[in-house]
Amino acid sequence: MRTFLHVVAPIGQIMRSLGTLLLLFFFAVPPLTAQRIFIENTVGVGPRAGWYESTAADEGALYYGFQARLRWGRNVGLEVAMDYRDNELFGAGTVELRRLRAEVMYIPVSASLMIFAPVGAWLNPYGVAGIGWYYSITEYDLLDAGTEDVKRLLRDDSAFEPGYHFGLGLEIPLTQNISIHADARYLFLGTEIRTIHDIVNAETGTKNSDGIMFSGGLMFYL
């Protein structure tokens, strides 16, 4: 009986502690709800970073940059951003048993419309869609392989290309002037990545830079 009491007593203490924590939680909820934070009718800037990978790429790349956001009310925003995207790797075919590759670097400038839908005290999910202008630099690593036709086709190139994107994200206001956010966007981009197959099939642009990008950032609002 004494052993039984020694076992039951700690269990009772644990239950009482849990009950106390639950009571504190329920009493704390109203103040938290009353302290809802809205970011509205303001402008802000901040850094962002993420990962981009084209559907046809062998390996994606990191990117980083800055963004500015203008907020109209609680539900509408406009974002302007400029990034630097490191080299993505694409397979360019095989010549003389050597695997060729292309490295593509991007410097995009984009503008996006954002629609926010605040939920609860801290969560602020949003949808985003927009357009961008992408300066791309494509370099082919030929390793001194291939014929003159191959070298002529797989020559280094640079171009400006328009792109379109849409996605979903989540913003968490920390104060009325600071927030963090993360989102995922799918990008439609027509940068052409030429390959050895283009010579065989007399085609161009068999690969492009359509893909998905994940990003996270920090915003400082006025």
N, C-alpha and C. Protein backbone atom coordinates (compact mmCIF):
# COMPACT_ATOMS: atom_id res chain seq x y z
N MET A 1 0.84 -1.20 0.00
CA MET A 1 0.00 0.00 0.00
C MET A 1 0.87 1.25 0.00
N ARG A 2 1.95 1.20 0.83
CA ARG A 2 2.84 2.35 0.89
C ARG A 2 3.52 2.58 -0.45
N THR A 3 3.91 1.46 -1.12
CA THR A 3 4.52 1.58 -2.45
C THR A 3 3.55 2.20 -3.43
N PHE A 4 2.28 1.80 -3.34
CA PHE A 4 1.26 2.33 -4.22
C PHE A 4 1.12 3.83 -4.03
N LEU A 5 1.14 4.29 -2.77
CA LEU A 5 1.02 5.72 -2.50
C LEU A 5 2.22 6.49 -3.04
N HIS A 6 3.40 5.87 -2.93
CA HIS A 6 4.60 6.53 -3.46
C HIS A 6 4.53 6.71 -4.97
N VAL A 7 3.86 5.81 -5.67
CA VAL A 7 3.71 5.91 -7.12
C VAL A 7 2.63 6.92 -7.48
N VAL A 8 1.50 6.90 -6.74
CA VAL A 8 0.37 7.76 -7.07
C VAL A 8 0.68 9.22 -6.78
N ALA A 9 1.43 9.51 -5.72
CA ALA A 9 1.70 10.90 -5.34
C ALA A 9 2.38 11.70 -6.43
N PRO A 10 3.47 11.20 -7.05
CA PRO A 10 4.08 11.97 -8.14
C PRO A 10 3.15 12.15 -9.32
N ILE A 11 2.33 11.14 -9.61
CA ILE A 11 1.39 11.26 -10.72
C ILE A 11 0.40 12.39 -10.44
N GLY A 12 -0.06 12.47 -9.19
CA GLY A 12 -0.97 13.54 -8.83
C GLY A 12 -0.34 14.91 -8.98
N GLN A 13 0.93 15.01 -8.59
CA GLN A 13 1.63 16.29 -8.74
C GLN A 13 1.76 16.67 -10.21
N ILE A 14 2.05 15.69 -11.05
CA ILE A 14 2.16 15.96 -12.49
C ILE A 14 0.83 16.43 -13.04
N MET A 15 -0.27 15.78 -12.64
CA MET A 15 -1.59 16.16 -13.13
C MET A 15 -1.95 17.57 -12.70
N ARG A 16 -1.63 17.91 -11.44
CA ARG A 16 -1.91 19.26 -10.96
C ARG A 16 -1.09 20.29 -11.74
N SER A 17 0.17 19.96 -12.04
CA SER A 17 1.01 20.88 -12.80
C SER A 17 0.47 21.09 -14.21
N LEU A 18 0.01 19.98 -14.83
CA LEU A 18 -0.57 20.10 -16.15
C LEU A 18 -1.84 20.95 -16.13
N GLY A 19 -2.65 20.74 -15.09
CA GLY A 19 -3.86 21.54 -14.96
C GLY A 19 -3.55 23.01 -14.82
N THR A 20 -2.52 23.33 -14.03
CA THR A 20 -2.11 24.72 -13.85
C THR A 20 -1.65 25.33 -15.17
N LEU A 21 -0.87 24.56 -15.94
CA LEU A 21 -0.40 25.05 -17.23
C LEU A 21 -1.55 25.31 -18.18
N LEU A 22 -2.54 24.43 -18.19
CA LEU A 22 -3.71 24.61 -19.06
C LEU A 22 -4.49 25.86 -18.68
N LEU A 23 -4.67 26.08 -17.37
CA LEU A 23 -5.36 27.27 -16.92
C LEU A 23 -4.62 28.53 -17.34
N LEU A 24 -3.29 28.52 -17.19
CA LEU A 24 -2.49 29.67 -17.58
C LEU A 24 -2.61 29.92 -19.08
N PHE A 25 -2.64 28.84 -19.86
CA PHE A 25 -2.76 28.97 -21.31
C PHE A 25 -4.08 29.63 -21.69
N PHE A 26 -5.19 29.12 -21.13
CA PHE A 26 -6.49 29.66 -21.49
C PHE A 26 -6.67 31.10 -21.05
N PHE A 27 -6.08 31.45 -19.89
CA PHE A 27 -6.17 32.84 -19.46
C PHE A 27 -5.26 33.75 -20.28
N ALA A 28 -4.20 33.17 -20.88
CA ALA A 28 -3.25 33.98 -21.66
C ALA A 28 -3.73 34.21 -23.07
N VAL A 29 -4.64 33.40 -23.58
CA VAL A 29 -5.09 33.52 -24.97
C VAL A 29 -5.77 34.85 -25.26
N PRO A 30 -6.70 35.33 -24.43
CA PRO A 30 -7.35 36.61 -24.75
C PRO A 30 -6.39 37.77 -24.91
N PRO A 31 -5.36 37.94 -24.01
CA PRO A 31 -4.44 39.05 -24.22
C PRO A 31 -3.68 38.93 -25.53
N LEU A 32 -3.27 37.67 -25.90
CA LEU A 32 -2.55 37.50 -27.15
C LEU A 32 -3.42 37.87 -28.33
N THR A 33 -4.70 37.44 -28.27
CA THR A 33 -5.62 37.77 -29.36
C THR A 33 -5.84 39.26 -29.46
N ALA A 34 -5.87 39.93 -28.28
CA ALA A 34 -6.08 41.38 -28.29
C ALA A 34 -4.88 42.12 -28.84
N GLN A 35 -3.72 41.49 -28.85
CA GLN A 35 -2.51 42.14 -29.31
C GLN A 35 -2.18 41.77 -30.76
N ARG A 36 -3.18 41.59 -31.58
CA ARG A 36 -2.95 41.27 -32.98
C ARG A 36 -2.13 42.38 -33.64
N ILE A 37 -1.18 41.96 -34.45
CA ILE A 37 -0.29 42.91 -35.12
C ILE A 37 -0.63 42.94 -36.61
N PHE A 38 -0.93 44.12 -37.11
CA PHE A 38 -1.20 44.29 -38.53
C PHE A 38 -0.15 45.23 -39.12
N ILE A 39 0.38 44.84 -40.27
CA ILE A 39 1.29 45.71 -41.01
C ILE A 39 0.49 46.29 -42.17
N GLU A 40 0.27 47.59 -42.15
CA GLU A 40 -0.61 48.21 -43.14
C GLU A 40 -0.20 49.64 -43.43
N ASN A 41 -0.50 50.08 -44.67
CA ASN A 41 -0.26 51.45 -45.10
C ASN A 41 1.15 51.93 -44.77
N THR A 42 2.12 51.15 -45.23
CA THR A 42 3.51 51.47 -44.95
C THR A 42 4.39 50.91 -46.06
N VAL A 43 5.67 51.19 -45.96
CA VAL A 43 6.64 50.68 -46.92
C VAL A 43 7.84 50.15 -46.14
N GLY A 44 8.49 49.11 -46.70
CA GLY A 44 9.62 48.52 -46.00
C GLY A 44 10.62 47.91 -46.96
N VAL A 45 11.80 47.63 -46.44
CA VAL A 45 12.86 46.99 -47.22
C VAL A 45 13.49 45.90 -46.37
N GLY A 46 14.20 44.99 -47.03
CA GLY A 46 14.87 43.95 -46.29
C GLY A 46 15.58 42.95 -47.19
N PRO A 47 16.43 42.11 -46.61
CA PRO A 47 17.16 41.11 -47.38
C PRO A 47 16.36 39.82 -47.52
N ARG A 48 16.71 39.03 -48.52
CA ARG A 48 16.13 37.71 -48.67
C ARG A 48 17.15 36.78 -49.30
N ALA A 49 16.96 35.47 -49.10
CA ALA A 49 17.85 34.47 -49.68
C ALA A 49 17.03 33.21 -49.91
N GLY A 50 17.53 32.34 -50.78
CA GLY A 50 16.78 31.13 -51.05
C GLY A 50 17.49 30.20 -52.00
N TRP A 51 16.73 29.28 -52.58
CA TRP A 51 17.23 28.25 -53.47
C TRP A 51 16.35 28.20 -54.71
N TYR A 52 16.99 28.15 -55.88
CA TYR A 52 16.27 28.06 -57.15
C TYR A 52 16.76 26.86 -57.92
N GLU A 53 15.82 26.11 -58.50
CA GLU A 53 16.22 24.96 -59.30
C GLU A 53 15.29 24.82 -60.50
N SER A 54 15.87 24.93 -61.69
CA SER A 54 15.11 24.72 -62.91
C SER A 54 14.75 23.25 -63.06
N THR A 55 13.62 22.99 -63.70
CA THR A 55 13.18 21.62 -63.89
C THR A 55 14.21 20.81 -64.68
N ALA A 56 14.87 21.43 -65.66
CA ALA A 56 15.82 20.73 -66.51
C ALA A 56 17.25 20.75 -65.98
N ALA A 57 17.49 21.41 -64.85
CA ALA A 57 18.86 21.55 -64.33
C ALA A 57 19.33 20.28 -63.64
N ASP A 58 20.63 20.03 -63.71
CA ASP A 58 21.23 18.94 -62.94
C ASP A 58 21.42 19.34 -61.49
N GLU A 59 21.62 20.63 -61.27
CA GLU A 59 21.86 21.13 -59.92
C GLU A 59 21.39 22.56 -59.81
N GLY A 60 20.63 22.88 -58.76
CA GLY A 60 20.14 24.23 -58.55
C GLY A 60 21.21 25.13 -57.96
N ALA A 61 20.79 26.30 -57.49
CA ALA A 61 21.75 27.27 -56.98
C ALA A 61 21.12 28.15 -55.91
N LEU A 62 21.97 28.68 -55.05
CA LEU A 62 21.54 29.65 -54.05
C LEU A 62 21.35 31.01 -54.69
N TYR A 63 20.51 31.81 -54.10
CA TYR A 63 20.38 33.20 -54.54
C TYR A 63 20.14 34.09 -53.33
N TYR A 64 20.42 35.36 -53.49
CA TYR A 64 20.21 36.32 -52.42
C TYR A 64 20.01 37.70 -53.03
N GLY A 65 19.37 38.57 -52.28
CA GLY A 65 19.09 39.90 -52.80
C GLY A 65 18.34 40.75 -51.80
N PHE A 66 17.70 41.81 -52.32
CA PHE A 66 16.94 42.74 -51.49
C PHE A 66 15.55 42.93 -52.10
N GLN A 67 14.62 43.31 -51.25
CA GLN A 67 13.25 43.53 -51.69
C GLN A 67 12.69 44.76 -50.99
N ALA A 68 11.73 45.39 -51.64
CA ALA A 68 10.98 46.51 -51.06
C ALA A 68 9.51 46.18 -51.21
N ARG A 69 8.73 46.44 -50.18
CA ARG A 69 7.30 46.15 -50.21
C ARG A 69 6.51 47.38 -49.80
N LEU A 70 5.48 47.65 -50.58
CA LEU A 70 4.53 48.72 -50.28
C LEU A 70 3.21 48.06 -49.89
N ARG A 71 2.66 48.43 -48.74
CA ARG A 71 1.44 47.80 -48.23
C ARG A 71 0.28 48.79 -48.24
N TRP A 72 -0.81 48.41 -48.95
CA TRP A 72 -2.05 49.18 -48.94
C TRP A 72 -3.04 48.45 -48.05
N GLY A 73 -3.37 49.05 -46.93
CA GLY A 73 -4.27 48.38 -46.01
C GLY A 73 -3.65 47.09 -45.49
N ARG A 74 -4.53 46.17 -45.08
CA ARG A 74 -4.06 44.92 -44.51
C ARG A 74 -3.94 43.79 -45.53
N ASN A 75 -4.50 43.98 -46.72
CA ASN A 75 -4.64 42.85 -47.63
C ASN A 75 -3.91 42.97 -48.96
N VAL A 76 -3.41 44.14 -49.32
CA VAL A 76 -2.81 44.31 -50.63
C VAL A 76 -1.39 44.85 -50.48
N GLY A 77 -0.48 44.31 -51.30
CA GLY A 77 0.89 44.78 -51.27
C GLY A 77 1.53 44.71 -52.64
N LEU A 78 2.60 45.46 -52.82
CA LEU A 78 3.39 45.45 -54.04
C LEU A 78 4.84 45.23 -53.66
N GLU A 79 5.48 44.28 -54.33
CA GLU A 79 6.88 43.95 -54.03
C GLU A 79 7.75 44.20 -55.25
N VAL A 80 8.90 44.83 -55.04
CA VAL A 80 9.93 44.99 -56.07
C VAL A 80 11.21 44.40 -55.51
N ALA A 81 11.88 43.53 -56.29
CA ALA A 81 13.05 42.83 -55.76
C ALA A 81 14.14 42.74 -56.82
N MET A 82 15.37 42.66 -56.35
CA MET A 82 16.53 42.42 -57.21
C MET A 82 17.41 41.37 -56.54
N ASP A 83 17.80 40.34 -57.30
CA ASP A 83 18.56 39.22 -56.75
C ASP A 83 19.80 38.94 -57.58
N TYR A 84 20.68 38.15 -56.99
CA TYR A 84 21.80 37.55 -57.70
C TYR A 84 21.69 36.04 -57.51
N ARG A 85 21.60 35.30 -58.62
CA ARG A 85 21.50 33.85 -58.55
C ARG A 85 22.79 33.24 -59.05
N ASP A 86 23.37 32.40 -58.22
CA ASP A 86 24.61 31.75 -58.57
C ASP A 86 24.40 30.77 -59.72
N ASN A 87 25.48 30.14 -60.19
CA ASN A 87 25.42 29.29 -61.37
C ASN A 87 24.60 28.02 -61.16
N GLU A 88 23.60 27.83 -62.01
CA GLU A 88 22.93 26.53 -62.12
C GLU A 88 23.70 25.66 -63.11
N LEU A 89 23.66 24.35 -62.90
CA LEU A 89 24.37 23.43 -63.78
C LEU A 89 23.38 22.65 -64.64
N PHE A 90 23.61 22.64 -65.95
CA PHE A 90 22.80 21.89 -66.90
C PHE A 90 23.70 20.93 -67.68
N GLY A 91 23.20 19.74 -67.97
CA GLY A 91 23.91 18.84 -68.85
C GLY A 91 23.77 19.30 -70.29
N ALA A 92 24.90 19.35 -71.03
CA ALA A 92 24.87 19.80 -72.42
C ALA A 92 25.17 18.67 -73.39
N GLY A 93 25.18 17.43 -72.91
CA GLY A 93 25.43 16.29 -73.79
C GLY A 93 26.82 15.71 -73.58
N THR A 94 27.16 14.72 -74.43
CA THR A 94 28.44 14.03 -74.32
C THR A 94 29.14 14.02 -75.68
N VAL A 95 30.42 14.40 -75.69
CA VAL A 95 31.23 14.38 -76.89
C VAL A 95 32.55 13.70 -76.56
N GLU A 96 32.92 12.71 -77.39
CA GLU A 96 34.18 11.99 -77.20
C GLU A 96 34.31 11.48 -75.77
N LEU A 97 33.21 10.91 -75.29
CA LEU A 97 33.12 10.33 -73.95
C LEU A 97 33.30 11.37 -72.85
N ARG A 98 33.18 12.63 -73.19
CA ARG A 98 33.28 13.70 -72.19
C ARG A 98 31.90 14.31 -72.00
N ARG A 99 31.52 14.45 -70.76
CA ARG A 99 30.21 15.02 -70.45
C ARG A 99 30.33 16.53 -70.36
N LEU A 100 29.65 17.21 -71.27
CA LEU A 100 29.71 18.66 -71.30
C LEU A 100 28.62 19.25 -70.40
N ARG A 101 28.83 20.45 -69.95
CA ARG A 101 27.83 21.09 -69.10
C ARG A 101 27.76 22.58 -69.37
N ALA A 102 26.64 23.15 -68.98
CA ALA A 102 26.43 24.60 -69.10
C ALA A 102 26.18 25.16 -67.71
N GLU A 103 26.76 26.33 -67.45
CA GLU A 103 26.54 27.04 -66.20
C GLU A 103 25.79 28.33 -66.52
N VAL A 104 24.67 28.53 -65.83
CA VAL A 104 23.82 29.69 -66.11
C VAL A 104 23.66 30.52 -64.84
N MET A 105 23.99 31.79 -64.94
CA MET A 105 23.86 32.73 -63.82
C MET A 105 22.80 33.76 -64.18
N TYR A 106 22.03 34.22 -63.19
CA TYR A 106 20.93 35.15 -63.43
C TYR A 106 21.03 36.37 -62.52
N ILE A 107 20.63 37.51 -63.05
CA ILE A 107 20.42 38.71 -62.24
C ILE A 107 19.01 39.21 -62.56
N PRO A 108 18.02 38.83 -61.75
CA PRO A 108 16.64 39.22 -62.04
C PRO A 108 16.20 40.48 -61.28
N VAL A 109 15.32 41.22 -61.93
CA VAL A 109 14.58 42.31 -61.28
C VAL A 109 13.10 42.00 -61.48
N SER A 110 12.33 41.95 -60.40
CA SER A 110 10.94 41.50 -60.50
C SER A 110 10.00 42.44 -59.76
N ALA A 111 8.74 42.40 -60.18
CA ALA A 111 7.67 43.15 -59.53
C ALA A 111 6.50 42.21 -59.33
N SER A 112 5.89 42.25 -58.14
CA SER A 112 4.84 41.29 -57.80
C SER A 112 3.68 41.96 -57.08
N LEU A 113 2.49 41.47 -57.35
CA LEU A 113 1.30 41.85 -56.60
C LEU A 113 1.08 40.81 -55.52
N MET A 114 0.78 41.25 -54.29
CA MET A 114 0.62 40.35 -53.16
C MET A 114 -0.76 40.57 -52.54
N ILE A 115 -1.43 39.47 -52.24
CA ILE A 115 -2.73 39.52 -51.56
C ILE A 115 -2.58 38.77 -50.23
N PHE A 116 -2.78 39.50 -49.13
CA PHE A 116 -2.61 38.94 -47.79
C PHE A 116 -3.98 38.57 -47.20
N ALA A 117 -3.99 37.53 -46.39
CA ALA A 117 -5.21 37.08 -45.71
C ALA A 117 -4.87 36.77 -44.26
N PRO A 118 -4.85 37.79 -43.38
CA PRO A 118 -4.47 37.57 -41.98
C PRO A 118 -5.33 36.51 -41.29
N VAL A 119 -4.66 35.63 -40.54
CA VAL A 119 -5.35 34.56 -39.81
C VAL A 119 -4.83 34.56 -38.37
N GLY A 120 -5.73 34.68 -37.42
CA GLY A 120 -5.32 34.65 -36.02
C GLY A 120 -4.48 35.86 -35.64
N ALA A 121 -3.68 35.68 -34.59
CA ALA A 121 -2.93 36.79 -34.05
C ALA A 121 -1.62 37.05 -34.78
N TRP A 122 -1.00 36.00 -35.34
CA TRP A 122 0.36 36.16 -35.84
C TRP A 122 0.56 35.73 -37.28
N LEU A 123 -0.33 34.94 -37.83
CA LEU A 123 -0.12 34.38 -39.16
C LEU A 123 -0.72 35.27 -40.24
N ASN A 124 0.04 35.44 -41.33
CA ASN A 124 -0.39 36.31 -42.41
C ASN A 124 -0.05 35.64 -43.76
N PRO A 125 -0.81 34.61 -44.15
CA PRO A 125 -0.53 33.96 -45.44
C PRO A 125 -0.84 34.89 -46.61
N TYR A 126 -0.16 34.63 -47.74
CA TYR A 126 -0.38 35.49 -48.90
C TYR A 126 -0.18 34.71 -50.20
N GLY A 127 -0.82 35.22 -51.23
CA GLY A 127 -0.58 34.76 -52.59
C GLY A 127 0.19 35.84 -53.33
N VAL A 128 1.02 35.43 -54.29
CA VAL A 128 1.87 36.38 -55.00
C VAL A 128 1.94 35.99 -56.47
N ALA A 129 1.94 36.98 -57.35
CA ALA A 129 2.10 36.76 -58.78
C ALA A 129 2.73 38.00 -59.38
N GLY A 130 3.58 37.79 -60.41
CA GLY A 130 4.22 38.96 -60.99
C GLY A 130 5.05 38.63 -62.20
N ILE A 131 5.84 39.61 -62.61
CA ILE A 131 6.67 39.54 -63.80
C ILE A 131 8.08 39.96 -63.44
N GLY A 132 9.05 39.47 -64.20
CA GLY A 132 10.43 39.84 -63.95
C GLY A 132 11.21 39.97 -65.25
N TRP A 133 12.36 40.62 -65.16
CA TRP A 133 13.28 40.74 -66.28
C TRP A 133 14.60 40.12 -65.83
N TYR A 134 15.08 39.15 -66.58
CA TYR A 134 16.20 38.32 -66.16
C TYR A 134 17.38 38.47 -67.11
N TYR A 135 18.48 38.99 -66.57
CA TYR A 135 19.72 39.02 -67.33
C TYR A 135 20.45 37.71 -67.03
N SER A 136 20.66 36.91 -68.05
CA SER A 136 21.29 35.60 -67.85
C SER A 136 22.60 35.52 -68.60
N ILE A 137 23.58 34.85 -68.00
CA ILE A 137 24.88 34.60 -68.62
C ILE A 137 25.09 33.09 -68.65
N THR A 138 25.22 32.54 -69.86
CA THR A 138 25.39 31.10 -70.04
C THR A 138 26.81 30.82 -70.52
N GLU A 139 27.52 29.97 -69.78
CA GLU A 139 28.88 29.59 -70.14
C GLU A 139 28.94 28.07 -70.30
N TYR A 140 29.53 27.63 -71.41
CA TYR A 140 29.63 26.20 -71.70
C TYR A 140 31.05 25.72 -71.42
N ASP A 141 31.13 24.62 -70.68
CA ASP A 141 32.41 24.00 -70.36
C ASP A 141 32.64 22.87 -71.36
N LEU A 142 33.37 23.17 -72.46
CA LEU A 142 33.56 22.21 -73.55
C LEU A 142 34.78 21.33 -73.36
N LEU A 143 35.70 21.72 -72.49
CA LEU A 143 36.89 20.92 -72.23
C LEU A 143 37.67 20.63 -73.51
N ASP A 144 37.68 21.58 -74.46
CA ASP A 144 38.38 21.44 -75.74
C ASP A 144 37.90 20.23 -76.54
N ALA A 145 36.65 19.87 -76.36
CA ALA A 145 36.10 18.72 -77.07
C ALA A 145 35.14 19.18 -78.14
N GLY A 146 34.90 18.31 -79.15
CA GLY A 146 33.89 18.57 -80.15
C GLY A 146 34.41 19.23 -81.40
N THR A 147 33.56 19.22 -82.42
CA THR A 147 33.89 19.81 -83.71
C THR A 147 33.62 21.31 -83.68
N GLU A 148 33.90 21.94 -84.82
CA GLU A 148 33.63 23.37 -84.92
C GLU A 148 32.13 23.66 -84.81
N ASP A 149 31.30 22.73 -85.35
CA ASP A 149 29.85 22.90 -85.23
C ASP A 149 29.43 22.91 -83.77
N VAL A 150 30.01 22.00 -82.99
CA VAL A 150 29.70 21.95 -81.56
C VAL A 150 30.12 23.24 -80.87
N LYS A 151 31.30 23.70 -81.17
CA LYS A 151 31.80 24.91 -80.52
C LYS A 151 31.00 26.14 -80.93
N ARG A 152 30.54 26.14 -82.19
CA ARG A 152 29.73 27.28 -82.65
C ARG A 152 28.36 27.28 -81.99
N LEU A 153 27.77 26.09 -81.84
CA LEU A 153 26.46 26.01 -81.21
C LEU A 153 26.54 26.29 -79.72
N LEU A 154 27.52 25.67 -79.06
CA LEU A 154 27.63 25.80 -77.61
C LEU A 154 28.60 26.93 -77.26
N ARG A 155 28.30 28.10 -77.73
CA ARG A 155 29.12 29.27 -77.42
C ARG A 155 28.51 30.01 -76.24
N ASP A 156 29.36 30.68 -75.49
CA ASP A 156 28.89 31.47 -74.36
C ASP A 156 27.92 32.54 -74.85
N ASP A 157 26.96 32.84 -74.00
CA ASP A 157 25.90 33.75 -74.44
C ASP A 157 25.36 34.53 -73.25
N SER A 158 24.75 35.66 -73.52
CA SER A 158 24.05 36.44 -72.50
C SER A 158 22.80 37.03 -73.14
N ALA A 159 21.77 37.21 -72.32
CA ALA A 159 20.50 37.69 -72.87
C ALA A 159 19.62 38.24 -71.77
N PHE A 160 18.66 39.10 -72.17
CA PHE A 160 17.59 39.54 -71.29
C PHE A 160 16.34 38.74 -71.65
N GLU A 161 15.70 38.16 -70.65
CA GLU A 161 14.50 37.37 -70.89
C GLU A 161 13.41 37.79 -69.91
N PRO A 162 12.16 37.91 -70.36
CA PRO A 162 11.06 38.14 -69.42
C PRO A 162 10.66 36.83 -68.75
N GLY A 163 10.15 36.92 -67.56
CA GLY A 163 9.69 35.74 -66.84
C GLY A 163 8.44 36.07 -66.03
N TYR A 164 7.71 35.03 -65.68
CA TYR A 164 6.47 35.19 -64.92
C TYR A 164 6.49 34.22 -63.76
N HIS A 165 5.89 34.61 -62.65
CA HIS A 165 5.89 33.73 -61.49
C HIS A 165 4.59 33.86 -60.70
N PHE A 166 4.30 32.83 -59.92
CA PHE A 166 3.19 32.86 -58.97
C PHE A 166 3.55 31.92 -57.83
N GLY A 167 2.91 32.15 -56.66
CA GLY A 167 3.22 31.29 -55.53
C GLY A 167 2.44 31.65 -54.28
N LEU A 168 2.81 30.99 -53.19
CA LEU A 168 2.18 31.18 -51.89
C LEU A 168 3.25 31.38 -50.83
N GLY A 169 2.90 32.15 -49.80
CA GLY A 169 3.86 32.40 -48.74
C GLY A 169 3.20 32.66 -47.40
N LEU A 170 4.02 32.85 -46.39
CA LEU A 170 3.54 33.12 -45.04
C LEU A 170 4.42 34.19 -44.41
N GLU A 171 3.77 35.24 -43.92
CA GLU A 171 4.46 36.30 -43.19
C GLU A 171 4.09 36.22 -41.72
N ILE A 172 5.08 36.44 -40.85
CA ILE A 172 4.84 36.46 -39.40
C ILE A 172 5.33 37.81 -38.86
N PRO A 173 4.42 38.71 -38.50
CA PRO A 173 4.85 40.00 -37.92
C PRO A 173 5.42 39.78 -36.52
N LEU A 174 6.60 40.31 -36.28
CA LEU A 174 7.20 40.25 -34.95
C LEU A 174 6.83 41.50 -34.15
N THR A 175 6.79 42.64 -34.83
CA THR A 175 6.30 43.90 -34.28
C THR A 175 5.56 44.60 -35.42
N GLN A 176 5.10 45.80 -35.19
CA GLN A 176 4.46 46.55 -36.26
C GLN A 176 5.46 47.03 -37.31
N ASN A 177 6.74 46.87 -37.03
CA ASN A 177 7.77 47.36 -37.96
C ASN A 177 8.70 46.27 -38.48
N ILE A 178 8.61 45.07 -37.94
CA ILE A 178 9.52 43.98 -38.33
C ILE A 178 8.72 42.71 -38.57
N SER A 179 9.04 42.02 -39.65
CA SER A 179 8.39 40.74 -39.92
C SER A 179 9.38 39.80 -40.61
N ILE A 180 9.08 38.50 -40.52
CA ILE A 180 9.81 37.49 -41.26
C ILE A 180 8.84 36.80 -42.20
N HIS A 181 9.35 36.21 -43.26
CA HIS A 181 8.45 35.56 -44.21
C HIS A 181 9.18 34.45 -44.96
N ALA A 182 8.41 33.55 -45.54
CA ALA A 182 8.93 32.48 -46.39
C ALA A 182 7.88 32.19 -47.46
N ASP A 183 8.34 31.87 -48.67
CA ASP A 183 7.38 31.53 -49.72
C ASP A 183 8.00 30.61 -50.75
N ALA A 184 7.14 30.05 -51.58
CA ALA A 184 7.54 29.20 -52.70
C ALA A 184 6.88 29.75 -53.95
N ARG A 185 7.64 29.91 -55.02
CA ARG A 185 7.12 30.47 -56.27
C ARG A 185 7.57 29.60 -57.44
N TYR A 186 6.67 29.45 -58.42
CA TYR A 186 7.05 28.75 -59.64
C TYR A 186 7.30 29.81 -60.71
N LEU A 187 8.41 29.65 -61.41
CA LEU A 187 8.85 30.64 -62.39
C LEU A 187 8.80 30.06 -63.80
N PHE A 188 8.21 30.83 -64.71
CA PHE A 188 8.23 30.50 -66.13
C PHE A 188 9.26 31.42 -66.80
N LEU A 189 10.36 30.84 -67.29
CA LEU A 189 11.46 31.62 -67.85
C LEU A 189 11.97 30.94 -69.11
N GLY A 190 12.09 31.69 -70.20
CA GLY A 190 12.41 31.09 -71.49
C GLY A 190 13.88 31.07 -71.86
N THR A 191 14.80 31.17 -70.89
CA THR A 191 16.22 31.10 -71.22
C THR A 191 16.54 29.77 -71.88
N GLU A 192 17.14 29.82 -73.07
CA GLU A 192 17.42 28.59 -73.82
C GLU A 192 18.80 28.04 -73.46
N ILE A 193 18.82 26.75 -73.11
CA ILE A 193 20.07 26.05 -72.81
C ILE A 193 20.33 25.07 -73.94
N ARG A 194 21.29 25.38 -74.80
CA ARG A 194 21.55 24.52 -75.95
C ARG A 194 22.35 23.29 -75.54
N THR A 195 22.16 22.19 -76.27
CA THR A 195 22.83 20.93 -75.98
C THR A 195 23.30 20.28 -77.28
N ILE A 196 24.06 19.20 -77.16
CA ILE A 196 24.52 18.44 -78.32
C ILE A 196 23.33 17.91 -79.12
N HIS A 197 22.25 17.60 -78.45
CA HIS A 197 21.06 17.08 -79.14
C HIS A 197 20.51 18.08 -80.14
N ASP A 198 20.78 19.35 -79.94
CA ASP A 198 20.29 20.36 -80.88
C ASP A 198 20.95 20.20 -82.26
N ILE A 199 22.21 19.75 -82.27
CA ILE A 199 22.89 19.52 -83.54
C ILE A 199 22.28 18.32 -84.25
N VAL A 200 22.06 17.25 -83.50
CA VAL A 200 21.53 16.01 -84.08
C VAL A 200 20.12 16.22 -84.60
N ASN A 201 19.29 16.94 -83.83
CA ASN A 201 17.89 17.10 -84.19
C ASN A 201 17.58 18.42 -84.89
N ALA A 202 18.64 19.21 -85.13
CA ALA A 202 18.47 20.52 -85.78
C ALA A 202 17.45 21.38 -85.03
N GLU A 203 17.55 21.39 -83.70
CA GLU A 203 16.65 22.17 -82.86
C GLU A 203 17.46 23.10 -81.97
N THR A 204 16.78 24.04 -81.36
CA THR A 204 17.41 24.90 -80.35
C THR A 204 16.46 25.04 -79.17
N GLY A 205 17.05 25.34 -78.05
CA GLY A 205 16.23 25.59 -76.87
C GLY A 205 15.56 24.35 -76.33
N THR A 206 16.23 23.21 -76.36
CA THR A 206 15.61 21.99 -75.86
C THR A 206 15.48 22.00 -74.34
N LYS A 207 16.20 22.86 -73.67
CA LYS A 207 16.08 23.02 -72.22
C LYS A 207 15.81 24.49 -71.92
N ASN A 208 15.09 24.73 -70.81
CA ASN A 208 14.87 26.12 -70.40
C ASN A 208 14.98 26.22 -68.89
N SER A 209 14.73 27.42 -68.39
CA SER A 209 14.96 27.69 -66.96
C SER A 209 13.68 27.74 -66.14
N ASP A 210 12.57 27.17 -66.63
CA ASP A 210 11.37 27.07 -65.79
C ASP A 210 11.72 26.29 -64.53
N GLY A 211 11.23 26.74 -63.39
CA GLY A 211 11.55 26.01 -62.16
C GLY A 211 10.88 26.61 -60.95
N ILE A 212 11.28 26.10 -59.78
CA ILE A 212 10.68 26.52 -58.52
C ILE A 212 11.74 27.19 -57.66
N MET A 213 11.31 28.19 -56.91
CA MET A 213 12.21 28.90 -56.02
C MET A 213 11.61 28.99 -54.62
N PHE A 214 12.46 28.76 -53.62
CA PHE A 214 12.08 28.87 -52.22
C PHE A 214 12.89 30.00 -51.60
N SER A 215 12.23 30.85 -50.83
CA SER A 215 12.95 31.98 -50.25
C SER A 215 12.45 32.29 -48.85
N GLY A 216 13.31 32.94 -48.10
CA GLY A 216 12.97 33.45 -46.78
C GLY A 216 13.57 34.83 -46.63
N GLY A 217 12.92 35.70 -45.87
CA GLY A 217 13.43 37.05 -45.75
C GLY A 217 13.02 37.75 -44.48
N LEU A 218 13.58 38.92 -44.29
CA LEU A 218 13.33 39.77 -43.13
C LEU A 218 12.96 41.15 -43.64
N MET A 219 11.88 41.72 -43.10
CA MET A 219 11.41 43.04 -43.55
C MET A 219 11.44 44.04 -42.40
N PHE A 220 11.86 45.26 -42.74
CA PHE A 220 11.85 46.38 -41.80
C PHE A 220 10.93 47.45 -42.36
N TYR A 221 9.81 47.70 -41.68
CA TYR A 221 8.82 48.67 -42.16
C TYR A 221 8.92 49.98 -41.40
N LEU A 222 8.54 51.05 -42.06
CA LEU A 222 8.51 52.37 -41.42
C LEU A 222 7.34 52.48 -40.44
